[in-house]
Amino acid sequence: MKEDQELRDHLEKLMRMGQAFRPVGELLQGISVQEAGGRVKDLPYTIWQLLEHLRFTQHDILDFCRNSNYQEPAWPDDYWPSAESPSDQAALDQTLQTVKQDLDAMVKLVQDTENDLFAPIPHGNGQTLLREAMLIAEHNAYHLGQIVVLRRLLGARL
């Protein structure tokens, strides 16, 4: 039992970040509409596109974990937005809030001891909740790193 809770706690820390670098909330704090849509020469994406990709993918993984009627979105079209910038601050704030809410929901799934971290997800192909939690952590870390670099290239002092 002790090891099970330790694993769940480590997964939560991994998903929320803050061990090897700053927590998600700090890394995304203060992004403006202008910054989110800013272009950097020779890069194929904006901060907004990365945020929307992160939001969509994290929600997709969460949906897969808890929805027995899960339908896989089309890759890559559904996962990457075409719009380079948010329509307004409200759209940006909504995306940031959804990222937080879905991360909280995934942490809640992981911390629920009724959920076996090692059991295959019934409607999957061998995936487990453990694997999906680590996937979220890895995917988010990768794209959050890109967002930090873009913010710095656009002049943010992080």
C-alpha atoms as a PDB file:
ATOM      1  CA  MET A   1       0.000   0.000   0.000  1.00  0.00           C
ATOM      2  CA  LYS A   2       2.757   2.449   0.897  1.00  0.00           C
ATOM      3  CA  GLU A   3       4.530   1.880  -2.428  1.00  0.00           C
ATOM      4  CA  ASP A   4       1.271   2.305  -4.337  1.00  0.00           C
ATOM      5  CA  GLN A   5       0.643   5.733  -2.758  1.00  0.00           C
ATOM      6  CA  GLU A   6       4.249   6.743  -3.308  1.00  0.00           C
ATOM      7  CA  LEU A   7       3.928   5.886  -6.990  1.00  0.00           C
ATOM      8  CA  ARG A   8       0.697   7.909  -7.239  1.00  0.00           C
ATOM      9  CA  ASP A   9       2.371  10.870  -5.513  1.00  0.00           C
ATOM     10  CA  HIS A  10       5.397  10.671  -7.823  1.00  0.00           C
ATOM     11  CA  LEU A  11       3.107  10.612 -10.857  1.00  0.00           C
ATOM     12  CA  GLU A  12       1.279  13.680  -9.589  1.00  0.00           C
ATOM     13  CA  LYS A  13       4.561  15.543  -9.108  1.00  0.00           C
ATOM     14  CA  LEU A  14       5.704  14.443 -12.552  1.00  0.00           C
ATOM     15  CA  MET A  15       2.513  15.705 -14.199  1.00  0.00           C
ATOM     16  CA  ARG A  16       2.403  18.987 -12.283  1.00  0.00           C
ATOM     17  CA  MET A  17       6.133  19.551 -12.853  1.00  0.00           C
ATOM     18  CA  GLY A  18       8.148  21.736 -10.510  1.00  0.00           C
ATOM     19  CA  GLN A  19      10.829  19.164  -9.712  1.00  0.00           C
ATOM     20  CA  ALA A  20      13.303  19.629 -12.571  1.00  0.00           C
ATOM     21  CA  PHE A  21      11.854  23.004 -13.562  1.00  0.00           C
ATOM     22  CA  ARG A  22       9.127  25.416 -12.565  1.00  0.00           C
ATOM     23  CA  PRO A  23       5.485  24.291 -12.209  1.00  0.00           C
ATOM     24  CA  VAL A  24       3.101  24.518 -15.163  1.00  0.00           C
ATOM     25  CA  GLY A  25       1.175  27.467 -13.702  1.00  0.00           C
ATOM     26  CA  GLU A  26       4.326  29.536 -13.333  1.00  0.00           C
ATOM     27  CA  LEU A  27       5.543  28.748 -16.846  1.00  0.00           C
ATOM     28  CA  LEU A  28       2.237  29.843 -18.391  1.00  0.00           C
ATOM     29  CA  GLN A  29       1.610  32.842 -16.151  1.00  0.00           C
ATOM     30  CA  GLY A  30       1.212  36.233 -17.784  1.00  0.00           C
ATOM     31  CA  ILE A  31       0.960  35.196 -21.439  1.00  0.00           C
ATOM     32  CA  SER A  32      -0.757  37.942 -23.418  1.00  0.00           C
ATOM     33  CA  VAL A  33      -2.720  37.607 -26.659  1.00  0.00           C
ATOM     34  CA  GLN A  34       0.071  39.444 -28.472  1.00  0.00           C
ATOM     35  CA  GLU A  35       2.737  37.136 -27.062  1.00  0.00           C
ATOM     36  CA  ALA A  36       0.634  34.010 -27.755  1.00  0.00           C
ATOM     37  CA  GLY A  37       0.329  34.932 -31.436  1.00  0.00           C
ATOM     38  CA  GLY A  38       3.886  36.207 -31.874  1.00  0.00           C
ATOM     39  CA  ARG A  39       5.927  34.671 -34.677  1.00  0.00           C
ATOM     40  CA  VAL A  40       9.577  33.704 -34.400  1.00  0.00           C
ATOM     41  CA  LYS A  41      11.506  33.462 -37.660  1.00  0.00           C
ATOM     42  CA  ASP A  42      11.921  29.913 -38.981  1.00  0.00           C
ATOM     43  CA  LEU A  43       9.652  28.307 -36.374  1.00  0.00           C
ATOM     44  CA  PRO A  44       6.479  26.638 -37.677  1.00  0.00           C
ATOM     45  CA  TYR A  45       4.292  27.376 -34.645  1.00  0.00           C
ATOM     46  CA  THR A  46       3.282  30.083 -32.203  1.00  0.00           C
ATOM     47  CA  ILE A  47       2.768  29.855 -28.452  1.00  0.00           C
ATOM     48  CA  TRP A  48      -0.975  29.778 -29.122  1.00  0.00           C
ATOM     49  CA  GLN A  49      -0.662  26.796 -31.429  1.00  0.00           C
ATOM     50  CA  LEU A  50       1.464  24.980 -28.844  1.00  0.00           C
ATOM     51  CA  LEU A  51      -1.011  25.795 -26.064  1.00  0.00           C
ATOM     52  CA  GLU A  52      -3.970  24.613 -28.106  1.00  0.00           C
ATOM     53  CA  HIS A  53      -2.103  21.445 -29.101  1.00  0.00           C
ATOM     54  CA  LEU A  54      -1.216  20.813 -25.466  1.00  0.00           C
ATOM     55  CA  ARG A  55      -4.820  21.447 -24.372  1.00  0.00           C
ATOM     56  CA  PHE A  56      -6.327  19.223 -27.046  1.00  0.00           C
ATOM     57  CA  THR A  57      -3.874  16.360 -26.580  1.00  0.00           C
ATOM     58  CA  GLN A  58      -4.096  16.369 -22.795  1.00  0.00           C
ATOM     59  CA  HIS A  59      -7.909  16.345 -23.014  1.00  0.00           C
ATOM     60  CA  ASP A  60      -7.778  13.528 -25.572  1.00  0.00           C
ATOM     61  CA  ILE A  61      -5.637  11.386 -23.250  1.00  0.00           C
ATOM     62  CA  LEU A  62      -7.964  12.129 -20.321  1.00  0.00           C
ATOM     63  CA  ASP A  63     -10.993  11.266 -22.448  1.00  0.00           C
ATOM     64  CA  PHE A  64      -9.369   7.988 -23.498  1.00  0.00           C
ATOM     65  CA  CYS A  65      -8.777   7.085 -19.847  1.00  0.00           C
ATOM     66  CA  ARG A  66     -12.339   7.608 -18.673  1.00  0.00           C
ATOM     67  CA  ASN A  67     -14.627   7.243 -21.688  1.00  0.00           C
ATOM     68  CA  SER A  68     -15.524   3.723 -22.804  1.00  0.00           C
ATOM     69  CA  ASN A  69     -16.990   5.230 -26.002  1.00  0.00           C
ATOM     70  CA  TYR A  70     -13.753   7.074 -26.828  1.00  0.00           C
ATOM     71  CA  GLN A  71     -13.267   7.975 -30.484  1.00  0.00           C
ATOM     72  CA  GLU A  72      -9.723   8.723 -31.598  1.00  0.00           C
ATOM     73  CA  PRO A  73      -9.375  12.125 -33.300  1.00  0.00           C
ATOM     74  CA  ALA A  74      -7.712  12.409 -36.699  1.00  0.00           C
ATOM     75  CA  TRP A  75      -3.948  12.885 -36.587  1.00  0.00           C
ATOM     76  CA  PRO A  76      -2.541  15.484 -37.165  1.00  0.00           C
ATOM     77  CA  ASP A  77      -5.444  17.679 -38.251  1.00  0.00           C
ATOM     78  CA  ASP A  78      -7.461  17.549 -35.037  1.00  0.00           C
ATOM     79  CA  TYR A  79      -4.407  17.951 -32.808  1.00  0.00           C
ATOM     80  CA  TRP A  80      -2.947  21.136 -34.304  1.00  0.00           C
ATOM     81  CA  PRO A  81      -4.906  24.391 -34.659  1.00  0.00           C
ATOM     82  CA  SER A  82      -4.687  26.413 -37.836  1.00  0.00           C
ATOM     83  CA  ALA A  83      -5.180  29.756 -36.097  1.00  0.00           C
ATOM     84  CA  GLU A  84      -1.852  31.352 -35.153  1.00  0.00           C
ATOM     85  CA  SER A  85      -3.258  33.444 -32.316  1.00  0.00           C
ATOM     86  CA  PRO A  86      -6.196  33.498 -29.941  1.00  0.00           C
ATOM     87  CA  SER A  87      -9.186  35.590 -30.953  1.00  0.00           C
ATOM     88  CA  ASP A  88      -8.996  37.515 -27.677  1.00  0.00           C
ATOM     89  CA  GLN A  89      -7.825  37.338 -24.062  1.00  0.00           C
ATOM     90  CA  ALA A  90     -10.940  35.368 -23.074  1.00  0.00           C
ATOM     91  CA  ALA A  91     -10.058  32.588 -25.551  1.00  0.00           C
ATOM     92  CA  LEU A  92      -6.494  32.480 -24.243  1.00  0.00           C
ATOM     93  CA  ASP A  93      -7.671  32.433 -20.626  1.00  0.00           C
ATOM     94  CA  GLN A  94     -10.147  29.630 -21.431  1.00  0.00           C
ATOM     95  CA  THR A  95      -7.403  27.488 -22.956  1.00  0.00           C
ATOM     96  CA  LEU A  96      -5.121  28.054 -19.964  1.00  0.00           C
ATOM     97  CA  GLN A  97      -7.978  27.234 -17.571  1.00  0.00           C
ATOM     98  CA  THR A  98      -8.851  24.065 -19.478  1.00  0.00           C
ATOM     99  CA  VAL A  99      -5.223  22.908 -19.374  1.00  0.00           C
ATOM    100  CA  LYS A 100      -5.292  23.324 -15.587  1.00  0.00           C
ATOM    101  CA  GLN A 101      -8.694  21.671 -15.141  1.00  0.00           C
ATOM    102  CA  ASP A 102      -7.838  18.661 -17.283  1.00  0.00           C
ATOM    103  CA  LEU A 103      -4.501  18.232 -15.526  1.00  0.00           C
ATOM    104  CA  ASP A 104      -6.327  18.347 -12.177  1.00  0.00           C
ATOM    105  CA  ALA A 105      -8.779  15.719 -13.482  1.00  0.00           C
ATOM    106  CA  MET A 106      -5.934  13.417 -14.562  1.00  0.00           C
ATOM    107  CA  VAL A 107      -4.251  13.814 -11.173  1.00  0.00           C
ATOM    108  CA  LYS A 108      -7.569  12.936  -9.527  1.00  0.00           C
ATOM    109  CA  LEU A 109      -7.790   9.739 -11.618  1.00  0.00           C
ATOM    110  CA  VAL A 110      -4.236   8.798 -10.651  1.00  0.00           C
ATOM    111  CA  GLN A 111      -4.784   9.553  -6.954  1.00  0.00           C
ATOM    112  CA  ASP A 112      -8.032   7.543  -6.803  1.00  0.00           C
ATOM    113  CA  THR A 113      -6.925   4.243  -5.265  1.00  0.00           C
ATOM    114  CA  GLU A 114      -9.978   2.565  -6.842  1.00  0.00           C
ATOM    115  CA  ASN A 115      -8.131   2.929 -10.152  1.00  0.00           C
ATOM    116  CA  ASP A 116      -5.490   0.273 -10.702  1.00  0.00           C
ATOM    117  CA  LEU A 117      -2.520   2.023 -12.301  1.00  0.00           C
ATOM    118  CA  PHE A 118      -1.380  -1.216 -13.969  1.00  0.00           C
ATOM    119  CA  ALA A 119      -4.699  -2.569 -15.272  1.00  0.00           C
ATOM    120  CA  PRO A 120      -5.201  -2.315 -19.028  1.00  0.00           C
ATOM    121  CA  ILE A 121      -7.808   0.282 -19.959  1.00  0.00           C
ATOM    122  CA  PRO A 122     -10.738  -1.900 -21.106  1.00  0.00           C
ATOM    123  CA  HIS A 123     -11.330  -0.158 -24.452  1.00  0.00           C
ATOM    124  CA  GLY A 124      -7.622   0.265 -25.246  1.00  0.00           C
ATOM    125  CA  ASN A 125      -4.884  -1.883 -26.712  1.00  0.00           C
ATOM    126  CA  GLY A 126      -2.933  -2.586 -23.543  1.00  0.00           C
ATOM    127  CA  GLN A 127      -2.567   1.015 -22.342  1.00  0.00           C
ATOM    128  CA  THR A 128      -2.722   1.567 -18.583  1.00  0.00           C
ATOM    129  CA  LEU A 129      -3.496   4.588 -16.430  1.00  0.00           C
ATOM    130  CA  LEU A 130       0.179   4.596 -15.430  1.00  0.00           C
ATOM    131  CA  ARG A 131       1.253   4.794 -19.058  1.00  0.00           C
ATOM    132  CA  GLU A 132      -1.254   7.549 -19.858  1.00  0.00           C
ATOM    133  CA  ALA A 133      -0.187   9.639 -16.839  1.00  0.00           C
ATOM    134  CA  MET A 134       3.453   9.352 -17.902  1.00  0.00           C
ATOM    135  CA  LEU A 135       2.450  10.232 -21.474  1.00  0.00           C
ATOM    136  CA  ILE A 136       0.784  13.431 -20.267  1.00  0.00           C
ATOM    137  CA  ALA A 137       3.860  14.314 -18.205  1.00  0.00           C
ATOM    138  CA  GLU A 138       6.247  13.674 -21.101  1.00  0.00           C
ATOM    139  CA  HIS A 139       4.108  15.428 -23.706  1.00  0.00           C
ATOM    140  CA  ASN A 140       3.446  18.470 -21.523  1.00  0.00           C
ATOM    141  CA  ALA A 141       7.103  18.800 -20.511  1.00  0.00           C
ATOM    142  CA  TYR A 142       8.199  18.737 -24.145  1.00  0.00           C
ATOM    143  CA  HIS A 143       5.773  21.428 -25.277  1.00  0.00           C
ATOM    144  CA  LEU A 144       6.137  23.554 -22.148  1.00  0.00           C
ATOM    145  CA  GLY A 145       9.863  23.648 -22.862  1.00  0.00           C
ATOM    146  CA  GLN A 146       9.096  24.902 -26.370  1.00  0.00           C
ATOM    147  CA  ILE A 147       6.762  27.543 -24.943  1.00  0.00           C
ATOM    148  CA  VAL A 148       9.447  28.767 -22.526  1.00  0.00           C
ATOM    149  CA  VAL A 149      11.977  29.079 -25.354  1.00  0.00           C
ATOM    150  CA  LEU A 150       9.454  30.919 -27.543  1.00  0.00           C
ATOM    151  CA  ARG A 151       8.543  33.276 -24.713  1.00  0.00           C
ATOM    152  CA  ARG A 152      12.220  34.096 -24.206  1.00  0.00           C
ATOM    153  CA  LEU A 153      12.772  34.613 -27.928  1.00  0.00           C
ATOM    154  CA  LEU A 154       9.793  36.993 -27.915  1.00  0.00           C
ATOM    155  CA  GLY A 155      11.311  38.990 -25.077  1.00  0.00           C
ATOM    156  CA  ALA A 156       9.689  37.588 -21.926  1.00  0.00           C
ATOM    157  CA  ARG A 157      11.891  37.523 -18.853  1.00  0.00           C
ATOM    158  CA  LEU A 158      11.285  34.108 -17.347  1.00  0.00           C
END
